[in-house]
Amino acid sequence: MASSSRMLAAAVLAVLFVGAWCAAPVEFTVEKGSDEKNLALSIKYNKEGDSMAEVELKEHGSNEWLALKKNGDGVWEIKRDKPLKGPFNFRFVSEKGMRNVFDDVVPADFKVGTTYKPEE
């Protein structure tokens, strides 16, 4: 039985490693209209034949994921009644089912026009 548990653990680790190794590069560019209560992002996802389907943001100190909406220009936005608290974590699902989470990508003191990349 212990052997089966070790094999299962090894298989899970292998899948996690391959998934991380195959993950496409992602870049988040803060767009005009972003301020303390609104965040607008162009998200560059470099995976041929795939694109972002869903993007969510988690504020610093929160456990709640908030959905971003994609506007007609392809910019992902979130608008709140109260100030957003960075740095911001992001998770996404692509059209082909790729899932990923990026922690502390966009800082609290973000600058419009700046591109932020997750640490690898």
PDB file of N, CA and C in Angstrom:
ATOM      1  N   MET A   1       0.819  -1.187   0.000  1.00  0.00           N
ATOM      2  CA  MET A   1       0.000   0.000   0.000  1.00  0.00           C
ATOM      3  C   MET A   1       0.866   1.255   0.000  1.00  0.00           C
ATOM      4  N   ALA A   2       1.955   1.257   0.768  1.00  0.00           N
ATOM      5  CA  ALA A   2       2.834   2.417   0.814  1.00  0.00           C
ATOM      6  C   ALA A   2       3.438   2.685  -0.554  1.00  0.00           C
ATOM      7  N   SER A   3       3.704   1.624  -1.303  1.00  0.00           N
ATOM      8  CA  SER A   3       4.272   1.779  -2.636  1.00  0.00           C
ATOM      9  C   SER A   3       3.289   2.504  -3.555  1.00  0.00           C
ATOM     10  N   SER A   4       2.014   2.169  -3.465  1.00  0.00           N
ATOM     11  CA  SER A   4       0.998   2.834  -4.279  1.00  0.00           C
ATOM     12  C   SER A   4       0.891   4.308  -3.927  1.00  0.00           C
ATOM     13  N   SER A   5       0.982   4.628  -2.655  1.00  0.00           N
ATOM     14  CA  SER A   5       0.922   6.024  -2.215  1.00  0.00           C
ATOM     15  C   SER A   5       2.097   6.811  -2.767  1.00  0.00           C
ATOM     16  N   ARG A   6       3.274   6.205  -2.741  1.00  0.00           N
ATOM     17  CA  ARG A   6       4.470   6.888  -3.285  1.00  0.00           C
ATOM     18  C   ARG A   6       4.337   7.094  -4.786  1.00  0.00           C
ATOM     19  N   MET A   7       3.814   6.094  -5.478  1.00  0.00           N
ATOM     20  CA  MET A   7       3.652   6.223  -6.930  1.00  0.00           C
ATOM     21  C   MET A   7       2.641   7.319  -7.260  1.00  0.00           C
ATOM     22  N   LEU A   8       1.568   7.386  -6.501  1.00  0.00           N
ATOM     23  CA  LEU A   8       0.565   8.423  -6.710  1.00  0.00           C
ATOM     24  C   LEU A   8       1.161   9.800  -6.453  1.00  0.00           C
ATOM     25  N   ALA A   9       1.906   9.928  -5.361  1.00  0.00           N
ATOM     26  CA  ALA A   9       2.551  11.210  -5.040  1.00  0.00           C
ATOM     27  C   ALA A   9       3.522  11.614  -6.143  1.00  0.00           C
ATOM     28  N   ALA A  10       4.290  10.671  -6.653  1.00  0.00           N
ATOM     29  CA  ALA A  10       5.248  10.963  -7.734  1.00  0.00           C
ATOM     30  C   ALA A  10       4.512  11.402  -8.996  1.00  0.00           C
ATOM     31  N   ALA A  11       3.393  10.755  -9.298  1.00  0.00           N
ATOM     32  CA  ALA A  11       2.616  11.117 -10.489  1.00  0.00           C
ATOM     33  C   ALA A  11       2.042  12.519 -10.366  1.00  0.00           C
ATOM     34  N   VAL A  12       1.522  12.853  -9.192  1.00  0.00           N
ATOM     35  CA  VAL A  12       0.971  14.193  -8.963  1.00  0.00           C
ATOM     36  C   VAL A  12       2.060  15.243  -9.105  1.00  0.00           C
ATOM     37  N   LEU A  13       3.223  14.998  -8.523  1.00  0.00           N
ATOM     38  CA  LEU A  13       4.338  15.948  -8.650  1.00  0.00           C
ATOM     39  C   LEU A  13       4.763  16.110 -10.100  1.00  0.00           C
ATOM     40  N   ALA A  14       4.797  15.024 -10.833  1.00  0.00           N
ATOM     41  CA  ALA A  14       5.186  15.093 -12.248  1.00  0.00           C
ATOM     42  C   ALA A  14       4.203  15.945 -13.038  1.00  0.00           C
ATOM     43  N   VAL A  15       2.914  15.770 -12.791  1.00  0.00           N
ATOM     44  CA  VAL A  15       1.899  16.565 -13.485  1.00  0.00           C
ATOM     45  C   VAL A  15       2.044  18.038 -13.141  1.00  0.00           C
ATOM     46  N   LEU A  16       2.257  18.344 -11.873  1.00  0.00           N
ATOM     47  CA  LEU A  16       2.441  19.735 -11.461  1.00  0.00           C
ATOM     48  C   LEU A  16       3.678  20.335 -12.111  1.00  0.00           C
ATOM     49  N   PHE A  17       4.755  19.586 -12.161  1.00  0.00           N
ATOM     50  CA  PHE A  17       5.992  20.080 -12.759  1.00  0.00           C
ATOM     51  C   PHE A  17       5.799  20.340 -14.249  1.00  0.00           C
ATOM     52  N   VAL A  18       5.224  19.385 -14.960  1.00  0.00           N
ATOM     53  CA  VAL A  18       5.023  19.542 -16.401  1.00  0.00           C
ATOM     54  C   VAL A  18       4.069  20.691 -16.675  1.00  0.00           C
ATOM     55  N   GLY A  19       3.003  20.816 -15.883  1.00  0.00           N
ATOM     56  CA  GLY A  19       2.063  21.917 -16.071  1.00  0.00           C
ATOM     57  C   GLY A  19       2.727  23.266 -15.900  1.00  0.00           C
ATOM     58  N   ALA A  20       3.563  23.405 -14.882  1.00  0.00           N
ATOM     59  CA  ALA A  20       4.272  24.658 -14.663  1.00  0.00           C
ATOM     60  C   ALA A  20       5.295  24.899 -15.759  1.00  0.00           C
ATOM     61  N   TRP A  21       5.964  23.869 -16.207  1.00  0.00           N
ATOM     62  CA  TRP A  21       6.993  23.994 -17.223  1.00  0.00           C
ATOM     63  C   TRP A  21       6.388  24.384 -18.567  1.00  0.00           C
ATOM     64  N   CYS A  22       5.188  23.905 -18.847  1.00  0.00           N
ATOM     65  CA  CYS A  22       4.537  24.175 -20.124  1.00  0.00           C
ATOM     66  C   CYS A  22       3.693  25.448 -20.109  1.00  0.00           C
ATOM     67  N   ALA A  23       3.564  26.077 -18.962  1.00  0.00           N
ATOM     68  CA  ALA A  23       2.725  27.273 -18.860  1.00  0.00           C
ATOM     69  C   ALA A  23       3.240  28.368 -19.788  1.00  0.00           C
ATOM     70  N   ALA A  24       2.316  28.998 -20.479  1.00  0.00           N
ATOM     71  CA  ALA A  24       2.676  30.070 -21.403  1.00  0.00           C
ATOM     72  C   ALA A  24       2.972  31.349 -20.627  1.00  0.00           C
ATOM     73  N   PRO A  25       3.898  32.161 -21.149  1.00  0.00           N
ATOM     74  CA  PRO A  25       4.187  33.442 -20.498  1.00  0.00           C
ATOM     75  C   PRO A  25       2.957  34.359 -20.512  1.00  0.00           C
ATOM     76  N   VAL A  26       2.776  35.102 -19.438  1.00  0.00           N
ATOM     77  CA  VAL A  26       1.662  36.028 -19.308  1.00  0.00           C
ATOM     78  C   VAL A  26       2.220  37.385 -18.892  1.00  0.00           C
ATOM     79  N   GLU A  27       1.655  38.453 -19.474  1.00  0.00           N
ATOM     80  CA  GLU A  27       2.033  39.821 -19.111  1.00  0.00           C
ATOM     81  C   GLU A  27       0.759  40.619 -18.860  1.00  0.00           C
ATOM     82  N   PHE A  28       0.799  41.465 -17.830  1.00  0.00           N
ATOM     83  CA  PHE A  28      -0.330  42.308 -17.457  1.00  0.00           C
ATOM     84  C   PHE A  28       0.070  43.770 -17.638  1.00  0.00           C
ATOM     85  N   THR A  29      -0.598  44.491 -18.544  1.00  0.00           N
ATOM     86  CA  THR A  29      -0.311  45.905 -18.770  1.00  0.00           C
ATOM     87  C   THR A  29      -1.473  46.729 -18.226  1.00  0.00           C
ATOM     88  N   VAL A  30      -1.163  47.669 -17.338  1.00  0.00           N
ATOM     89  CA  VAL A  30      -2.187  48.529 -16.745  1.00  0.00           C
ATOM     90  C   VAL A  30      -2.575  49.600 -17.771  1.00  0.00           C
ATOM     91  N   GLU A  31      -3.862  49.692 -18.042  1.00  0.00           N
ATOM     92  CA  GLU A  31      -4.379  50.595 -19.072  1.00  0.00           C
ATOM     93  C   GLU A  31      -4.982  51.866 -18.478  1.00  0.00           C
ATOM     94  N   LYS A  32      -5.194  52.867 -19.371  1.00  0.00           N
ATOM     95  CA  LYS A  32      -5.847  54.118 -18.978  1.00  0.00           C
ATOM     96  C   LYS A  32      -7.192  53.815 -18.339  1.00  0.00           C
ATOM     97  N   GLY A  33      -7.568  54.636 -17.376  1.00  0.00           N
ATOM     98  CA  GLY A  33      -8.810  54.431 -16.655  1.00  0.00           C
ATOM     99  C   GLY A  33      -8.600  53.718 -15.332  1.00  0.00           C
ATOM    100  N   SER A  34      -7.380  53.211 -15.134  1.00  0.00           N
ATOM    101  CA  SER A  34      -7.065  52.542 -13.872  1.00  0.00           C
ATOM    102  C   SER A  34      -6.783  53.581 -12.799  1.00  0.00           C
ATOM    103  N   ASP A  35      -7.357  53.377 -11.634  1.00  0.00           N
ATOM    104  CA  ASP A  35      -7.112  54.250 -10.489  1.00  0.00           C
ATOM    105  C   ASP A  35      -7.322  53.429  -9.226  1.00  0.00           C
ATOM    106  N   GLU A  36      -7.518  54.082  -8.099  1.00  0.00           N
ATOM    107  CA  GLU A  36      -7.618  53.330  -6.841  1.00  0.00           C
ATOM    108  C   GLU A  36      -8.854  52.419  -6.766  1.00  0.00           C
ATOM    109  N   LYS A  37      -9.909  52.718  -7.548  1.00  0.00           N
ATOM    110  CA  LYS A  37     -11.134  51.915  -7.507  1.00  0.00           C
ATOM    111  C   LYS A  37     -11.379  51.101  -8.771  1.00  0.00           C
ATOM    112  N   ASN A  38     -10.588  51.312  -9.793  1.00  0.00           N
ATOM    113  CA  ASN A  38     -10.766  50.636 -11.072  1.00  0.00           C
ATOM    114  C   ASN A  38      -9.424  50.114 -11.574  1.00  0.00           C
ATOM    115  N   LEU A  39      -9.464  48.917 -12.138  1.00  0.00           N
ATOM    116  CA  LEU A  39      -8.250  48.365 -12.724  1.00  0.00           C
ATOM    117  C   LEU A  39      -8.604  47.831 -14.099  1.00  0.00           C
ATOM    118  N   ALA A  40      -7.886  48.316 -15.113  1.00  0.00           N
ATOM    119  CA  ALA A  40      -8.068  47.891 -16.493  1.00  0.00           C
ATOM    120  C   ALA A  40      -6.751  47.306 -16.978  1.00  0.00           C
ATOM    121  N   LEU A  41      -6.798  46.086 -17.501  1.00  0.00           N
ATOM    122  CA  LEU A  41      -5.577  45.378 -17.880  1.00  0.00           C
ATOM    123  C   LEU A  41      -5.667  44.798 -19.284  1.00  0.00           C
ATOM    124  N   SER A  42      -4.600  44.985 -20.049  1.00  0.00           N
ATOM    125  CA  SER A  42      -4.408  44.203 -21.265  1.00  0.00           C
ATOM    126  C   SER A  42      -3.572  43.013 -20.821  1.00  0.00           C
ATOM    127  N   ILE A  43      -4.062  41.832 -21.110  1.00  0.00           N
ATOM    128  CA  ILE A  43      -3.356  40.629 -20.684  1.00  0.00           C
ATOM    129  C   ILE A  43      -2.854  39.899 -21.918  1.00  0.00           C
ATOM    130  N   LYS A  44      -1.543  39.778 -22.004  1.00  0.00           N
ATOM    131  CA  LYS A  44      -0.918  39.089 -23.127  1.00  0.00           C
ATOM    132  C   LYS A  44      -0.618  37.662 -22.681  1.00  0.00           C
ATOM    133  N   TYR A  45      -1.255  36.724 -23.335  1.00  0.00           N
ATOM    134  CA  TYR A  45      -1.121  35.303 -23.029  1.00  0.00           C
ATOM    135  C   TYR A  45      -0.541  34.633 -24.265  1.00  0.00           C
ATOM    136  N   ASN A  46       0.695  34.203 -24.182  1.00  0.00           N
ATOM    137  CA  ASN A  46       1.417  33.693 -25.347  1.00  0.00           C
ATOM    138  C   ASN A  46       1.300  32.181 -25.484  1.00  0.00           C
ATOM    139  N   LYS A  47       0.113  31.740 -25.817  1.00  0.00           N
ATOM    140  CA  LYS A  47      -0.107  30.313 -26.067  1.00  0.00           C
ATOM    141  C   LYS A  47      -0.829  30.202 -27.399  1.00  0.00           C
ATOM    142  N   GLU A  48      -0.129  29.703 -28.403  1.00  0.00           N
ATOM    143  CA  GLU A  48      -0.680  29.631 -29.748  1.00  0.00           C
ATOM    144  C   GLU A  48      -2.003  28.853 -29.766  1.00  0.00           C
ATOM    145  N   GLY A  49      -3.013  29.447 -30.377  1.00  0.00           N
ATOM    146  CA  GLY A  49      -4.298  28.795 -30.516  1.00  0.00           C
ATOM    147  C   GLY A  49      -5.151  28.806 -29.258  1.00  0.00           C
ATOM    148  N   ASP A  50      -4.778  29.606 -28.269  1.00  0.00           N
ATOM    149  CA  ASP A  50      -5.532  29.661 -27.019  1.00  0.00           C
ATOM    150  C   ASP A  50      -5.655  31.117 -26.586  1.00  0.00           C
ATOM    151  N   SER A  51      -6.637  31.414 -25.759  1.00  0.00           N
ATOM    152  CA  SER A  51      -6.813  32.766 -25.241  1.00  0.00           C
ATOM    153  C   SER A  51      -7.491  32.686 -23.877  1.00  0.00           C
ATOM    154  N   MET A  52      -7.514  33.810 -23.188  1.00  0.00           N
ATOM    155  CA  MET A  52      -8.117  33.880 -21.860  1.00  0.00           C
ATOM    156  C   MET A  52      -9.635  33.759 -21.968  1.00  0.00           C
ATOM    157  N   ALA A  53     -10.214  32.928 -21.107  1.00  0.00           N
ATOM    158  CA  ALA A  53     -11.671  32.799 -21.047  1.00  0.00           C
ATOM    159  C   ALA A  53     -12.220  33.495 -19.810  1.00  0.00           C
ATOM    160  N   GLU A  54     -11.518  33.353 -18.686  1.00  0.00           N
ATOM    161  CA  GLU A  54     -11.930  33.955 -17.420  1.00  0.00           C
ATOM    162  C   GLU A  54     -10.699  34.469 -16.695  1.00  0.00           C
ATOM    163  N   VAL A  55     -10.842  35.632 -16.068  1.00  0.00           N
ATOM    164  CA  VAL A  55      -9.765  36.193 -15.259  1.00  0.00           C
ATOM    165  C   VAL A  55     -10.377  36.688 -13.953  1.00  0.00           C
ATOM    166  N   GLU A  56      -9.715  36.373 -12.846  1.00  0.00           N
ATOM    167  CA  GLU A  56     -10.173  36.827 -11.539  1.00  0.00           C
ATOM    168  C   GLU A  56      -9.010  37.470 -10.792  1.00  0.00           C
ATOM    169  N   LEU A  57      -9.349  38.383  -9.908  1.00  0.00           N
ATOM    170  CA  LEU A  57      -8.381  39.128  -9.109  1.00  0.00           C
ATOM    171  C   LEU A  57      -8.664  38.870  -7.631  1.00  0.00           C
ATOM    172  N   LYS A  58      -7.604  38.772  -6.847  1.00  0.00           N
ATOM    173  CA  LYS A  58      -7.757  38.692  -5.392  1.00  0.00           C
ATOM    174  C   LYS A  58      -6.922  39.810  -4.794  1.00  0.00           C
ATOM    175  N   GLU A  59      -7.583  40.624  -3.970  1.00  0.00           N
ATOM    176  CA  GLU A  59      -6.895  41.734  -3.318  1.00  0.00           C
ATOM    177  C   GLU A  59      -6.011  41.233  -2.171  1.00  0.00           C
ATOM    178  N   HIS A  60      -5.045  42.055  -1.821  1.00  0.00           N
ATOM    179  CA  HIS A  60      -4.157  41.742  -0.705  1.00  0.00           C
ATOM    180  C   HIS A  60      -4.983  41.573   0.574  1.00  0.00           C
ATOM    181  N   GLY A  61      -4.743  40.483   1.280  1.00  0.00           N
ATOM    182  CA  GLY A  61      -5.423  40.236   2.544  1.00  0.00           C
ATOM    183  C   GLY A  61      -6.824  39.666   2.418  1.00  0.00           C
ATOM    184  N   SER A  62      -7.285  39.408   1.206  1.00  0.00           N
ATOM    185  CA  SER A  62      -8.634  38.887   0.993  1.00  0.00           C
ATOM    186  C   SER A  62      -8.576  37.413   0.606  1.00  0.00           C
ATOM    187  N   ASN A  63      -9.670  36.703   0.840  1.00  0.00           N
ATOM    188  CA  ASN A  63      -9.810  35.322   0.379  1.00  0.00           C
ATOM    189  C   ASN A  63     -10.783  35.222  -0.791  1.00  0.00           C
ATOM    190  N   GLU A  64     -11.356  36.359  -1.178  1.00  0.00           N
ATOM    191  CA  GLU A  64     -12.381  36.387  -2.216  1.00  0.00           C
ATOM    192  C   GLU A  64     -11.784  36.693  -3.590  1.00  0.00           C
ATOM    193  N   TRP A  65     -12.148  35.879  -4.572  1.00  0.00           N
ATOM    194  CA  TRP A  65     -11.752  36.122  -5.955  1.00  0.00           C
ATOM    195  C   TRP A  65     -12.855  36.926  -6.633  1.00  0.00           C
ATOM    196  N   LEU A  66     -12.479  37.991  -7.333  1.00  0.00           N
ATOM    197  CA  LEU A  66     -13.412  38.892  -8.003  1.00  0.00           C
ATOM    198  C   LEU A  66     -13.238  38.762  -9.514  1.00  0.00           C
ATOM    199  N   ALA A  67     -14.330  38.579 -10.226  1.00  0.00           N
ATOM    200  CA  ALA A  67     -14.266  38.409 -11.681  1.00  0.00           C
ATOM    201  C   ALA A  67     -13.984  39.726 -12.381  1.00  0.00           C
ATOM    202  N   LEU A  68     -13.087  39.687 -13.367  1.00  0.00           N
ATOM    203  CA  LEU A  68     -12.865  40.811 -14.257  1.00  0.00           C
ATOM    204  C   LEU A  68     -13.742  40.585 -15.484  1.00  0.00           C
ATOM    205  N   LYS A  69     -14.174  41.674 -16.100  1.00  0.00           N
ATOM    206  CA  LYS A  69     -15.000  41.590 -17.309  1.00  0.00           C
ATOM    207  C   LYS A  69     -14.179  42.091 -18.487  1.00  0.00           C
ATOM    208  N   LYS A  70     -14.330  41.409 -19.611  1.00  0.00           N
ATOM    209  CA  LYS A  70     -13.612  41.802 -20.828  1.00  0.00           C
ATOM    210  C   LYS A  70     -14.478  42.762 -21.626  1.00  0.00           C
ATOM    211  N   ASN A  71     -13.915  43.956 -21.908  1.00  0.00           N
ATOM    212  CA  ASN A  71     -14.685  44.932 -22.686  1.00  0.00           C
ATOM    213  C   ASN A  71     -14.496  44.698 -24.182  1.00  0.00           C
ATOM    214  N   GLY A  72     -15.129  45.522 -24.996  1.00  0.00           N
ATOM    215  CA  GLY A  72     -15.069  45.366 -26.448  1.00  0.00           C
ATOM    216  C   GLY A  72     -13.690  45.559 -27.051  1.00  0.00           C
ATOM    217  N   ASP A  73     -12.797  46.209 -26.312  1.00  0.00           N
ATOM    218  CA  ASP A  73     -11.428  46.425 -26.799  1.00  0.00           C
ATOM    219  C   ASP A  73     -10.476  45.316 -26.358  1.00  0.00           C
ATOM    220  N   GLY A  74     -11.018  44.295 -25.677  1.00  0.00           N
ATOM    221  CA  GLY A  74     -10.178  43.195 -25.219  1.00  0.00           C
ATOM    222  C   GLY A  74      -9.458  43.475 -23.912  1.00  0.00           C
ATOM    223  N   VAL A  75      -9.862  44.543 -23.219  1.00  0.00           N
ATOM    224  CA  VAL A  75      -9.251  44.912 -21.935  1.00  0.00           C
ATOM    225  C   VAL A  75     -10.090  44.303 -20.816  1.00  0.00           C
ATOM    226  N   TRP A  76      -9.419  43.696 -19.853  1.00  0.00           N
ATOM    227  CA  TRP A  76     -10.085  43.102 -18.692  1.00  0.00           C
ATOM    228  C   TRP A  76     -10.199  44.165 -17.607  1.00  0.00           C
ATOM    229  N   GLU A  77     -11.418  44.343 -17.059  1.00  0.00           N
ATOM    230  CA  GLU A  77     -11.658  45.431 -16.112  1.00  0.00           C
ATOM    231  C   GLU A  77     -12.369  44.952 -14.850  1.00  0.00           C
ATOM    232  N   ILE A  78     -12.088  45.674 -13.770  1.00  0.00           N
ATOM    233  CA  ILE A  78     -12.864  45.531 -12.545  1.00  0.00           C
ATOM    234  C   ILE A  78     -13.094  46.926 -12.003  1.00  0.00           C
ATOM    235  N   LYS A  79     -14.340  47.196 -11.612  1.00  0.00           N
ATOM    236  CA  LYS A  79     -14.708  48.504 -11.061  1.00  0.00           C
ATOM    237  C   LYS A  79     -15.346  48.266  -9.711  1.00  0.00           C
ATOM    238  N   ARG A  80     -14.860  48.974  -8.704  1.00  0.00           N
ATOM    239  CA  ARG A  80     -15.337  48.794  -7.331  1.00  0.00           C
ATOM    240  C   ARG A  80     -15.812  50.126  -6.758  1.00  0.00           C
ATOM    241  N   ASP A  81     -16.607  50.047  -5.691  1.00  0.00           N
ATOM    242  CA  ASP A  81     -17.067  51.250  -4.993  1.00  0.00           C
ATOM    243  C   ASP A  81     -16.041  51.741  -3.977  1.00  0.00           C
ATOM    244  N   LYS A  82     -15.157  50.842  -3.576  1.00  0.00           N
ATOM    245  CA  LYS A  82     -14.135  51.199  -2.588  1.00  0.00           C
ATOM    246  C   LYS A  82     -12.757  50.937  -3.193  1.00  0.00           C
ATOM    247  N   PRO A  83     -11.713  51.541  -2.628  1.00  0.00           N
ATOM    248  CA  PRO A  83     -10.366  51.351  -3.182  1.00  0.00           C
ATOM    249  C   PRO A  83      -9.928  49.884  -3.183  1.00  0.00           C
ATOM    250  N   LEU A  84      -9.274  49.490  -4.255  1.00  0.00           N
ATOM    251  CA  LEU A  84      -8.695  48.155  -4.369  1.00  0.00           C
ATOM    252  C   LEU A  84      -7.417  48.094  -3.531  1.00  0.00           C
ATOM    253  N   LYS A  85      -7.128  46.939  -2.958  1.00  0.00           N
ATOM    254  CA  LYS A  85      -5.937  46.771  -2.121  1.00  0.00           C
ATOM    255  C   LYS A  85      -4.950  45.830  -2.794  1.00  0.00           C
ATOM    256  N   GLY A  86      -3.840  46.378  -3.273  1.00  0.00           N
ATOM    257  CA  GLY A  86      -2.788  45.571  -3.888  1.00  0.00           C
ATOM    258  C   GLY A  86      -1.727  45.200  -2.874  1.00  0.00           C
ATOM    259  N   PRO A  87      -0.781  44.385  -3.270  1.00  0.00           N
ATOM    260  CA  PRO A  87      -0.591  43.809  -4.604  1.00  0.00           C
ATOM    261  C   PRO A  87      -1.685  42.796  -4.923  1.00  0.00           C
ATOM    262  N   PHE A  88      -1.885  42.590  -6.232  1.00  0.00           N
ATOM    263  CA  PHE A  88      -2.991  41.785  -6.706  1.00  0.00           C
ATOM    264  C   PHE A  88      -2.538  40.421  -7.210  1.00  0.00           C
ATOM    265  N   ASN A  89      -3.317  39.408  -6.843  1.00  0.00           N
ATOM    266  CA  ASN A  89      -3.131  38.055  -7.354  1.00  0.00           C
ATOM    267  C   ASN A  89      -4.130  37.860  -8.482  1.00  0.00           C
ATOM    268  N   PHE A  90      -3.770  37.040  -9.456  1.00  0.00           N
ATOM    269  CA  PHE A  90      -4.664  36.745 -10.568  1.00  0.00           C
ATOM    270  C   PHE A  90      -4.731  35.251 -10.793  1.00  0.00           C
ATOM    271  N   ARG A  91      -5.919  34.788 -11.173  1.00  0.00           N
ATOM    272  CA  ARG A  91      -6.041  33.415 -11.646  1.00  0.00           C
ATOM    273  C   ARG A  91      -6.862  33.459 -12.920  1.00  0.00           C
ATOM    274  N   PHE A  92      -6.588  32.496 -13.790  1.00  0.00           N
ATOM    275  CA  PHE A  92      -7.292  32.489 -15.059  1.00  0.00           C
ATOM    276  C   PHE A  92      -7.575  31.069 -15.518  1.00  0.00           C
ATOM    277  N   VAL A  93      -8.526  31.000 -16.437  1.00  0.00           N
ATOM    278  CA  VAL A  93      -8.820  29.783 -17.173  1.00  0.00           C
ATOM    279  C   VAL A  93      -8.790  30.191 -18.642  1.00  0.00           C
ATOM    280  N   SER A  94      -8.059  29.424 -19.444  1.00  0.00           N
ATOM    281  CA  SER A  94      -8.008  29.730 -20.873  1.00  0.00           C
ATOM    282  C   SER A  94      -9.136  29.001 -21.598  1.00  0.00           C
ATOM    283  N   GLU A  95      -9.339  29.352 -22.862  1.00  0.00           N
ATOM    284  CA  GLU A  95     -10.375  28.716 -23.678  1.00  0.00           C
ATOM    285  C   GLU A  95     -10.163  27.200 -23.759  1.00  0.00           C
ATOM    286  N   LYS A  96      -8.897  26.759 -23.712  1.00  0.00           N
ATOM    287  CA  LYS A  96      -8.584  25.330 -23.822  1.00  0.00           C
ATOM    288  C   LYS A  96      -8.422  24.656 -22.458  1.00  0.00           C
ATOM    289  N   GLY A  97      -8.788  25.361 -21.384  1.00  0.00           N
ATOM    290  CA  GLY A  97      -8.795  24.738 -20.067  1.00  0.00           C
ATOM    291  C   GLY A  97      -7.535  24.892 -19.234  1.00  0.00           C
ATOM    292  N   MET A  98      -6.541  25.615 -19.726  1.00  0.00           N
ATOM    293  CA  MET A  98      -5.337  25.861 -18.928  1.00  0.00           C
ATOM    294  C   MET A  98      -5.713  26.734 -17.740  1.00  0.00           C
ATOM    295  N   ARG A  99      -5.258  26.373 -16.557  1.00  0.00           N
ATOM    296  CA  ARG A  99      -5.541  27.143 -15.342  1.00  0.00           C
ATOM    297  C   ARG A  99      -4.220  27.537 -14.709  1.00  0.00           C
ATOM    298  N   ASN A 100      -4.190  28.746 -14.153  1.00  0.00           N
ATOM    299  CA  ASN A 100      -2.981  29.181 -13.475  1.00  0.00           C
ATOM    300  C   ASN A 100      -3.324  30.281 -12.485  1.00  0.00           C
ATOM    301  N   VAL A 101      -2.465  30.421 -11.488  1.00  0.00           N
ATOM    302  CA  VAL A 101      -2.595  31.473 -10.484  1.00  0.00           C
ATOM    303  C   VAL A 101      -1.257  32.191 -10.410  1.00  0.00           C
ATOM    304  N   PHE A 102      -1.315  33.517 -10.378  1.00  0.00           N
ATOM    305  CA  PHE A 102      -0.114  34.338 -10.264  1.00  0.00           C
ATOM    306  C   PHE A 102      -0.269  35.233  -9.041  1.00  0.00           C
ATOM    307  N   ASP A 103       0.667  35.146  -8.126  1.00  0.00           N
ATOM    308  CA  ASP A 103       0.603  35.916  -6.881  1.00  0.00           C
ATOM    309  C   ASP A 103       1.402  37.209  -6.974  1.00  0.00           C
ATOM    310  N   ASP A 104       0.836  38.268  -6.389  1.00  0.00           N
ATOM    311  CA  ASP A 104       1.514  39.560  -6.242  1.00  0.00           C
ATOM    312  C   ASP A 104       2.109  40.073  -7.557  1.00  0.00           C
ATOM    313  N   VAL A 105       1.304  40.045  -8.623  1.00  0.00           N
ATOM    314  CA  VAL A 105       1.802  40.458  -9.942  1.00  0.00           C
ATOM    315  C   VAL A 105       1.799  41.972 -10.087  1.00  0.00           C
ATOM    316  N   VAL A 106       0.655  42.584  -9.872  1.00  0.00           N
ATOM    317  CA  VAL A 106       0.519  44.036 -10.030  1.00  0.00           C
ATOM    318  C   VAL A 106       0.579  44.658  -8.635  1.00  0.00           C
ATOM    319  N   PRO A 107       1.538  45.572  -8.422  1.00  0.00           N
ATOM    320  CA  PRO A 107       1.702  46.159  -7.086  1.00  0.00           C
ATOM    321  C   PRO A 107       0.599  47.159  -6.744  1.00  0.00           C
ATOM    322  N   ALA A 108       0.495  47.490  -5.475  1.00  0.00           N
ATOM    323  CA  ALA A 108      -0.503  48.461  -5.002  1.00  0.00           C
ATOM    324  C   ALA A 108      -0.288  49.820  -5.655  1.00  0.00           C
ATOM    325  N   ASP A 109       0.958  50.181  -5.896  1.00  0.00           N
ATOM    326  CA  ASP A 109       1.289  51.489  -6.487  1.00  0.00           C
ATOM    327  C   ASP A 109       1.529  51.379  -7.998  1.00  0.00           C
ATOM    328  N   PHE A 110       0.672  50.599  -8.677  1.00  0.00           N
ATOM    329  CA  PHE A 110       0.824  50.384 -10.120  1.00  0.00           C
ATOM    330  C   PHE A 110       0.831  51.703 -10.875  1.00  0.00           C
ATOM    331  N   LYS A 111       1.424  51.662 -12.051  1.00  0.00           N
ATOM    332  CA  LYS A 111       1.491  52.828 -12.935  1.00  0.00           C
ATOM    333  C   LYS A 111       0.816  52.489 -14.261  1.00  0.00           C
ATOM    334  N   VAL A 112      -0.041  53.378 -14.742  1.00  0.00           N
ATOM    335  CA  VAL A 112      -0.679  53.207 -16.040  1.00  0.00           C
ATOM    336  C   VAL A 112       0.398  53.131 -17.113  1.00  0.00           C
ATOM    337  N   GLY A 113       0.250  52.172 -18.018  1.00  0.00           N
ATOM    338  CA  GLY A 113       1.211  51.986 -19.098  1.00  0.00           C
ATOM    339  C   GLY A 113       2.328  51.023 -18.759  1.00  0.00           C
ATOM    340  N   THR A 114       2.412  50.581 -17.524  1.00  0.00           N
ATOM    341  CA  THR A 114       3.464  49.668 -17.103  1.00  0.00           C
ATOM    342  C   THR A 114       3.007  48.220 -17.289  1.00  0.00           C
ATOM    343  N   THR A 115       3.933  47.388 -17.759  1.00  0.00           N
ATOM    344  CA  THR A 115       3.677  45.962 -17.933  1.00  0.00           C
ATOM    345  C   THR A 115       4.328  45.203 -16.791  1.00  0.00           C
ATOM    346  N   TYR A 116       3.571  44.321 -16.181  1.00  0.00           N
ATOM    347  CA  TYR A 116       4.050  43.514 -15.054  1.00  0.00           C
ATOM    348  C   TYR A 116       4.020  42.042 -15.466  1.00  0.00           C
ATOM    349  N   LYS A 117       5.082  41.332 -15.098  1.00  0.00           N
ATOM    350  CA  LYS A 117       5.191  39.907 -15.416  1.00  0.00           C
ATOM    351  C   LYS A 117       5.299  39.121 -14.111  1.00  0.00           C
ATOM    352  N   PRO A 118       4.603  37.999 -14.027  1.00  0.00           N
ATOM    353  CA  PRO A 118       4.745  37.154 -12.838  1.00  0.00           C
ATOM    354  C   PRO A 118       6.160  36.620 -12.722  1.00  0.00           C
ATOM    355  N   GLU A 119       6.610  36.405 -11.493  1.00  0.00           N
ATOM    356  CA  GLU A 119       7.924  35.791 -11.292  1.00  0.00           C
ATOM    357  C   GLU A 119       7.834  34.340 -11.690  1.00  0.00           C
ATOM    358  N   GLU A 120       8.895  33.859 -12.313  1.00  0.00           N
ATOM    359  CA  GLU A 120       8.915  32.442 -12.756  1.00  0.00           C
ATOM    360  C   GLU A 120       9.643  31.593 -11.767  1.00  0.00           C
TER     361      GLU A 120
END
